[in-house]
Amino acid sequence: MTATYTFDVFTSLDGFSSYGEDGDWGGYWGKEGPEFLDHRLAQYRADQRLVLGATTWREFHRFLAADGAAGTLDPLNARMRDMPTTVVSTTLRAPLDWPDATLEHGDAVDVVARLKAESPVPLRSHGSLAMNRALMAAGLVDLVQVTVFPVITGRTGTDPVFAGAADFDLDLVSSTTFDGRVQELVYRPTLHG
């Protein structure tokens, strides 16, 4: 039995996963609410392993390690920082300054294929766009969980979520609205053609 791999990503309605320095949105584009935050914390409390690419790990480390040392992390970010994590990189060197991180060198497709075969718990990746696009193309992503925030970031948006991705057919597994404005869509992807 292989572990389920979920590509978990946040996006604006126009498909950007982040915004540039000239944006003034704040975290979650300022649209998070109590229902959404409670749901996310419940998702991340479940036994699972986080899988991150080097770029996303560096971003998480910059935000979460500093706040964590000061004891100012909210429960969701504290859980994300403390959960078992595999970081896939060809550039980072051990040891990583992260509570429960394992550094894996090599191609993400090979690393995740092995993790799926060996892991006793589900795998989840948040962000890590380039890595997850490659994993989708290799057929290793079981679920794509897209959380759509009610914003259009045409001027400030950066990092298009699926830019350069292969073509996929998507089967809707679930859709949920939180706080009357944030939409979570979970799909099962199949390479098109």
C-alpha atoms as a PDB file:
ATOM      1  CA  MET A   1       0.000   0.000   0.000  1.00  0.00           C
ATOM      2  CA  THR A   2       1.384   3.400  -0.913  1.00  0.00           C
ATOM      3  CA  ALA A   3       0.965   6.595   1.062  1.00  0.00           C
ATOM      4  CA  THR A   4      -1.386   9.245  -0.308  1.00  0.00           C
ATOM      5  CA  TYR A   5       0.363  12.426  -1.501  1.00  0.00           C
ATOM      6  CA  THR A   6      -1.546  15.727  -1.351  1.00  0.00           C
ATOM      7  CA  PHE A   7      -0.332  18.877  -3.116  1.00  0.00           C
ATOM      8  CA  ASP A   8      -1.786  21.627  -0.919  1.00  0.00           C
ATOM      9  CA  VAL A   9      -1.644  25.151  -2.347  1.00  0.00           C
ATOM     10  CA  PHE A  10      -3.122  28.582  -1.690  1.00  0.00           C
ATOM     11  CA  THR A  11      -4.081  30.805  -4.604  1.00  0.00           C
ATOM     12  CA  SER A  12      -5.741  34.048  -5.532  1.00  0.00           C
ATOM     13  CA  LEU A  13      -8.705  33.768  -7.901  1.00  0.00           C
ATOM     14  CA  ASP A  14      -6.379  34.672 -10.771  1.00  0.00           C
ATOM     15  CA  GLY A  15      -4.013  31.800  -9.974  1.00  0.00           C
ATOM     16  CA  PHE A  16      -1.123  33.374  -8.053  1.00  0.00           C
ATOM     17  CA  SER A  17       0.301  31.719  -4.960  1.00  0.00           C
ATOM     18  CA  SER A  18       1.854  34.858  -3.567  1.00  0.00           C
ATOM     19  CA  TYR A  19       2.209  38.579  -4.047  1.00  0.00           C
ATOM     20  CA  GLY A  20       5.202  40.813  -4.546  1.00  0.00           C
ATOM     21  CA  GLU A  21       6.814  43.287  -2.197  1.00  0.00           C
ATOM     22  CA  ASP A  22       4.601  46.073  -3.528  1.00  0.00           C
ATOM     23  CA  GLY A  23       1.497  44.192  -2.308  1.00  0.00           C
ATOM     24  CA  ASP A  24      -0.040  45.091   1.032  1.00  0.00           C
ATOM     25  CA  TRP A  25      -2.301  42.080   1.524  1.00  0.00           C
ATOM     26  CA  GLY A  26      -0.864  40.401   4.623  1.00  0.00           C
ATOM     27  CA  GLY A  27      -0.973  36.680   5.361  1.00  0.00           C
ATOM     28  CA  TYR A  28      -3.752  34.674   3.665  1.00  0.00           C
ATOM     29  CA  TRP A  29      -4.385  37.851   1.681  1.00  0.00           C
ATOM     30  CA  GLY A  30      -6.142  39.063   4.843  1.00  0.00           C
ATOM     31  CA  LYS A  31      -9.161  36.828   4.146  1.00  0.00           C
ATOM     32  CA  GLU A  32      -8.744  34.047   6.723  1.00  0.00           C
ATOM     33  CA  GLY A  33     -11.444  33.501   9.288  1.00  0.00           C
ATOM     34  CA  PRO A  34     -12.054  31.223  12.275  1.00  0.00           C
ATOM     35  CA  GLU A  35     -13.714  28.405  10.290  1.00  0.00           C
ATOM     36  CA  PHE A  36     -10.832  28.284   7.836  1.00  0.00           C
ATOM     37  CA  LEU A  37      -8.118  28.414  10.506  1.00  0.00           C
ATOM     38  CA  ASP A  38      -9.813  25.704  12.597  1.00  0.00           C
ATOM     39  CA  HIS A  39     -10.124  23.485   9.507  1.00  0.00           C
ATOM     40  CA  ARG A  40      -6.470  23.966   8.573  1.00  0.00           C
ATOM     41  CA  LEU A  41      -5.296  23.176  12.080  1.00  0.00           C
ATOM     42  CA  ALA A  42      -7.393  19.985  12.099  1.00  0.00           C
ATOM     43  CA  GLN A  43      -5.912  18.954   8.737  1.00  0.00           C
ATOM     44  CA  TYR A  44      -2.361  19.490   9.933  1.00  0.00           C
ATOM     45  CA  ARG A  45      -2.882  17.839  13.322  1.00  0.00           C
ATOM     46  CA  ALA A  46      -3.482  14.496  11.611  1.00  0.00           C
ATOM     47  CA  ASP A  47      -0.506  12.138  11.454  1.00  0.00           C
ATOM     48  CA  GLN A  48       1.329  12.892   8.211  1.00  0.00           C
ATOM     49  CA  ARG A  49       4.686  13.903   6.808  1.00  0.00           C
ATOM     50  CA  LEU A  50       5.259  17.309   5.234  1.00  0.00           C
ATOM     51  CA  VAL A  51       7.301  17.312   2.003  1.00  0.00           C
ATOM     52  CA  LEU A  52       8.882  20.589   0.915  1.00  0.00           C
ATOM     53  CA  GLY A  53      11.172  21.772  -1.836  1.00  0.00           C
ATOM     54  CA  ALA A  54      14.191  23.894  -0.926  1.00  0.00           C
ATOM     55  CA  THR A  55      12.681  27.250  -1.919  1.00  0.00           C
ATOM     56  CA  THR A  56       9.523  26.742   0.152  1.00  0.00           C
ATOM     57  CA  TRP A  57      11.539  25.385   3.077  1.00  0.00           C
ATOM     58  CA  ARG A  58      13.718  28.520   3.004  1.00  0.00           C
ATOM     59  CA  GLU A  59      10.585  30.710   3.067  1.00  0.00           C
ATOM     60  CA  PHE A  60       9.044  28.695   5.910  1.00  0.00           C
ATOM     61  CA  HIS A  61      12.337  28.779   7.800  1.00  0.00           C
ATOM     62  CA  ARG A  62      12.594  32.542   7.433  1.00  0.00           C
ATOM     63  CA  PHE A  63       9.083  33.100   8.846  1.00  0.00           C
ATOM     64  CA  LEU A  64       8.515  30.180  11.196  1.00  0.00           C
ATOM     65  CA  ALA A  65      11.922  29.599  12.773  1.00  0.00           C
ATOM     66  CA  ALA A  66      12.337  33.196  13.913  1.00  0.00           C
ATOM     67  CA  ASP A  67       8.804  33.464  15.320  1.00  0.00           C
ATOM     68  CA  GLY A  68       9.065  29.997  16.847  1.00  0.00           C
ATOM     69  CA  ALA A  69      12.200  30.956  18.768  1.00  0.00           C
ATOM     70  CA  ALA A  70      10.338  33.942  20.166  1.00  0.00           C
ATOM     71  CA  GLY A  71       7.344  31.746  21.064  1.00  0.00           C
ATOM     72  CA  THR A  72       4.953  33.789  18.920  1.00  0.00           C
ATOM     73  CA  LEU A  73       3.735  31.148  16.456  1.00  0.00           C
ATOM     74  CA  ASP A  74       0.016  30.562  16.161  1.00  0.00           C
ATOM     75  CA  PRO A  75      -1.086  26.905  16.626  1.00  0.00           C
ATOM     76  CA  LEU A  76      -1.230  26.151  12.867  1.00  0.00           C
ATOM     77  CA  ASN A  77       2.236  27.481  12.085  1.00  0.00           C
ATOM     78  CA  ALA A  78       3.643  25.828  15.209  1.00  0.00           C
ATOM     79  CA  ARG A  79       2.241  22.494  14.015  1.00  0.00           C
ATOM     80  CA  MET A  80       3.638  22.968  10.500  1.00  0.00           C
ATOM     81  CA  ARG A  81       7.071  23.746  11.927  1.00  0.00           C
ATOM     82  CA  ASP A  82       7.042  20.810  14.339  1.00  0.00           C
ATOM     83  CA  MET A  83       5.614  18.038  12.164  1.00  0.00           C
ATOM     84  CA  PRO A  84       7.889  15.442  10.530  1.00  0.00           C
ATOM     85  CA  THR A  85       9.239  17.052   7.360  1.00  0.00           C
ATOM     86  CA  THR A  86      11.237  15.861   4.377  1.00  0.00           C
ATOM     87  CA  VAL A  87      13.037  18.621   2.495  1.00  0.00           C
ATOM     88  CA  VAL A  88      14.040  17.711  -1.063  1.00  0.00           C
ATOM     89  CA  SER A  89      16.998  19.715  -2.307  1.00  0.00           C
ATOM     90  CA  THR A  90      20.126  19.614  -4.396  1.00  0.00           C
ATOM     91  CA  THR A  91      21.527  22.768  -2.768  1.00  0.00           C
ATOM     92  CA  LEU A  92      20.830  22.648   0.988  1.00  0.00           C
ATOM     93  CA  ARG A  93      23.274  20.979   3.361  1.00  0.00           C
ATOM     94  CA  ALA A  94      22.583  19.186   6.637  1.00  0.00           C
ATOM     95  CA  PRO A  95      21.904  19.794   9.374  1.00  0.00           C
ATOM     96  CA  LEU A  96      18.747  21.801   8.797  1.00  0.00           C
ATOM     97  CA  ASP A  97      17.659  24.200  11.523  1.00  0.00           C
ATOM     98  CA  TRP A  98      14.188  22.657  11.788  1.00  0.00           C
ATOM     99  CA  PRO A  99      12.758  20.533  14.625  1.00  0.00           C
ATOM    100  CA  ASP A 100      11.995  17.253  12.793  1.00  0.00           C
ATOM    101  CA  ALA A 101      13.426  17.639   9.290  1.00  0.00           C
ATOM    102  CA  THR A 102      15.125  15.099   7.069  1.00  0.00           C
ATOM    103  CA  LEU A 103      17.111  16.381   4.108  1.00  0.00           C
ATOM    104  CA  GLU A 104      16.912  14.268   0.953  1.00  0.00           C
ATOM    105  CA  HIS A 105      19.248  15.008  -1.941  1.00  0.00           C
ATOM    106  CA  GLY A 106      18.337  14.058  -5.473  1.00  0.00           C
ATOM    107  CA  ASP A 107      15.451  14.252  -7.862  1.00  0.00           C
ATOM    108  CA  ALA A 108      12.091  14.930  -6.179  1.00  0.00           C
ATOM    109  CA  VAL A 109      10.367  12.317  -8.348  1.00  0.00           C
ATOM    110  CA  ASP A 110      12.695   9.594  -7.067  1.00  0.00           C
ATOM    111  CA  VAL A 111      12.536  10.792  -3.455  1.00  0.00           C
ATOM    112  CA  VAL A 112       8.734  11.050  -3.361  1.00  0.00           C
ATOM    113  CA  ALA A 113       8.244   7.723  -5.156  1.00  0.00           C
ATOM    114  CA  ARG A 114      10.324   6.099  -2.418  1.00  0.00           C
ATOM    115  CA  LEU A 115       8.501   8.004   0.353  1.00  0.00           C
ATOM    116  CA  LYS A 116       5.119   6.941  -1.041  1.00  0.00           C
ATOM    117  CA  ALA A 117       6.251   3.307  -0.954  1.00  0.00           C
ATOM    118  CA  GLU A 118       7.773   3.483   2.542  1.00  0.00           C
ATOM    119  CA  SER A 119       5.767   6.010   4.556  1.00  0.00           C
ATOM    120  CA  PRO A 120       3.288   4.670   7.122  1.00  0.00           C
ATOM    121  CA  VAL A 121       1.479   8.048   7.098  1.00  0.00           C
ATOM    122  CA  PRO A 122       0.066  10.270   4.322  1.00  0.00           C
ATOM    123  CA  LEU A 123       2.331  12.830   2.670  1.00  0.00           C
ATOM    124  CA  ARG A 124       1.367  16.498   2.250  1.00  0.00           C
ATOM    125  CA  SER A 125       3.207  19.298   0.535  1.00  0.00           C
ATOM    126  CA  HIS A 126       2.294  22.936   0.942  1.00  0.00           C
ATOM    127  CA  GLY A 127       3.519  25.248  -1.817  1.00  0.00           C
ATOM    128  CA  SER A 128       6.702  23.922  -3.447  1.00  0.00           C
ATOM    129  CA  LEU A 129       5.235  24.746  -6.854  1.00  0.00           C
ATOM    130  CA  ALA A 130       7.979  23.591  -9.227  1.00  0.00           C
ATOM    131  CA  MET A 131       8.509  20.364  -7.303  1.00  0.00           C
ATOM    132  CA  ASN A 132       4.791  19.569  -7.216  1.00  0.00           C
ATOM    133  CA  ARG A 133       4.305  20.301 -10.920  1.00  0.00           C
ATOM    134  CA  ALA A 134       7.058  17.739 -11.628  1.00  0.00           C
ATOM    135  CA  LEU A 135       5.453  15.242  -9.235  1.00  0.00           C
ATOM    136  CA  MET A 136       2.074  15.703 -10.914  1.00  0.00           C
ATOM    137  CA  ALA A 137       3.625  15.059 -14.336  1.00  0.00           C
ATOM    138  CA  ALA A 138       5.177  11.865 -12.934  1.00  0.00           C
ATOM    139  CA  GLY A 139       1.787  10.677 -11.617  1.00  0.00           C
ATOM    140  CA  LEU A 140       2.814  10.857  -7.949  1.00  0.00           C
ATOM    141  CA  VAL A 141       0.226  13.393  -6.731  1.00  0.00           C
ATOM    142  CA  ASP A 142      -2.969  11.716  -5.549  1.00  0.00           C
ATOM    143  CA  LEU A 143      -4.843  14.857  -4.521  1.00  0.00           C
ATOM    144  CA  VAL A 144      -4.554  18.540  -5.411  1.00  0.00           C
ATOM    145  CA  GLN A 145      -6.014  20.683  -2.641  1.00  0.00           C
ATOM    146  CA  VAL A 146      -6.474  24.239  -3.901  1.00  0.00           C
ATOM    147  CA  THR A 147      -7.591  26.904  -1.454  1.00  0.00           C
ATOM    148  CA  VAL A 148      -8.905  29.918  -3.359  1.00  0.00           C
ATOM    149  CA  PHE A 149      -8.850  33.233  -1.549  1.00  0.00           C
ATOM    150  CA  PRO A 150     -11.326  35.876  -2.742  1.00  0.00           C
ATOM    151  CA  VAL A 151      -8.807  38.280  -4.245  1.00  0.00           C
ATOM    152  CA  ILE A 152      -7.499  39.170  -7.683  1.00  0.00           C
ATOM    153  CA  THR A 153      -3.813  40.033  -7.614  1.00  0.00           C
ATOM    154  CA  GLY A 154      -3.337  41.164 -11.192  1.00  0.00           C
ATOM    155  CA  ARG A 155      -0.896  43.921 -10.244  1.00  0.00           C
ATOM    156  CA  THR A 156       0.958  42.324  -7.317  1.00  0.00           C
ATOM    157  CA  GLY A 157       0.539  38.558  -7.906  1.00  0.00           C
ATOM    158  CA  THR A 158       3.636  36.388  -8.193  1.00  0.00           C
ATOM    159  CA  ASP A 159       4.292  32.684  -8.665  1.00  0.00           C
ATOM    160  CA  PRO A 160       1.500  31.396 -10.947  1.00  0.00           C
ATOM    161  CA  VAL A 161       0.511  28.068  -9.394  1.00  0.00           C
ATOM    162  CA  PHE A 162       0.271  25.984 -12.561  1.00  0.00           C
ATOM    163  CA  ALA A 163       2.497  27.932 -14.980  1.00  0.00           C
ATOM    164  CA  GLY A 164       4.431  25.432 -17.060  1.00  0.00           C
ATOM    165  CA  ALA A 165       2.482  22.444 -15.745  1.00  0.00           C
ATOM    166  CA  ALA A 166       1.352  19.589 -17.955  1.00  0.00           C
ATOM    167  CA  ASP A 167      -2.331  19.282 -18.895  1.00  0.00           C
ATOM    168  CA  PHE A 168      -4.540  17.430 -16.398  1.00  0.00           C
ATOM    169  CA  ASP A 169      -8.125  16.302 -16.099  1.00  0.00           C
ATOM    170  CA  LEU A 170      -9.438  16.836 -12.578  1.00  0.00           C
ATOM    171  CA  ASP A 171     -12.097  14.844 -10.736  1.00  0.00           C
ATOM    172  CA  LEU A 172     -13.654  16.872  -7.922  1.00  0.00           C
ATOM    173  CA  VAL A 173     -13.394  15.027  -4.599  1.00  0.00           C
ATOM    174  CA  SER A 174     -14.765  17.783  -2.361  1.00  0.00           C
ATOM    175  CA  SER A 175     -15.509  21.483  -2.160  1.00  0.00           C
ATOM    176  CA  THR A 176     -16.003  23.502   1.006  1.00  0.00           C
ATOM    177  CA  THR A 177     -16.553  27.180   1.710  1.00  0.00           C
ATOM    178  CA  PHE A 178     -15.156  28.668   4.922  1.00  0.00           C
ATOM    179  CA  ASP A 179     -16.256  31.884   6.566  1.00  0.00           C
ATOM    180  CA  GLY A 180     -18.490  32.585   3.566  1.00  0.00           C
ATOM    181  CA  ARG A 181     -15.553  33.507   1.338  1.00  0.00           C
ATOM    182  CA  VAL A 182     -12.623  31.042   1.188  1.00  0.00           C
ATOM    183  CA  GLN A 183     -13.120  28.031  -1.103  1.00  0.00           C
ATOM    184  CA  GLU A 184     -11.244  24.734  -0.698  1.00  0.00           C
ATOM    185  CA  LEU A 185     -11.364  22.459  -3.756  1.00  0.00           C
ATOM    186  CA  VAL A 186      -9.868  18.979  -3.649  1.00  0.00           C
ATOM    187  CA  TYR A 187      -9.279  17.178  -6.950  1.00  0.00           C
ATOM    188  CA  ARG A 188      -7.865  13.862  -8.124  1.00  0.00           C
ATOM    189  CA  PRO A 189      -5.564  14.700 -11.084  1.00  0.00           C
ATOM    190  CA  THR A 190      -5.100  12.548 -14.182  1.00  0.00           C
ATOM    191  CA  LEU A 191      -2.583  13.438 -16.871  1.00  0.00           C
ATOM    192  CA  HIS A 192      -4.561  14.505 -19.951  1.00  0.00           C
ATOM    193  CA  GLY A 193      -3.981  12.592 -23.157  1.00  0.00           C
END
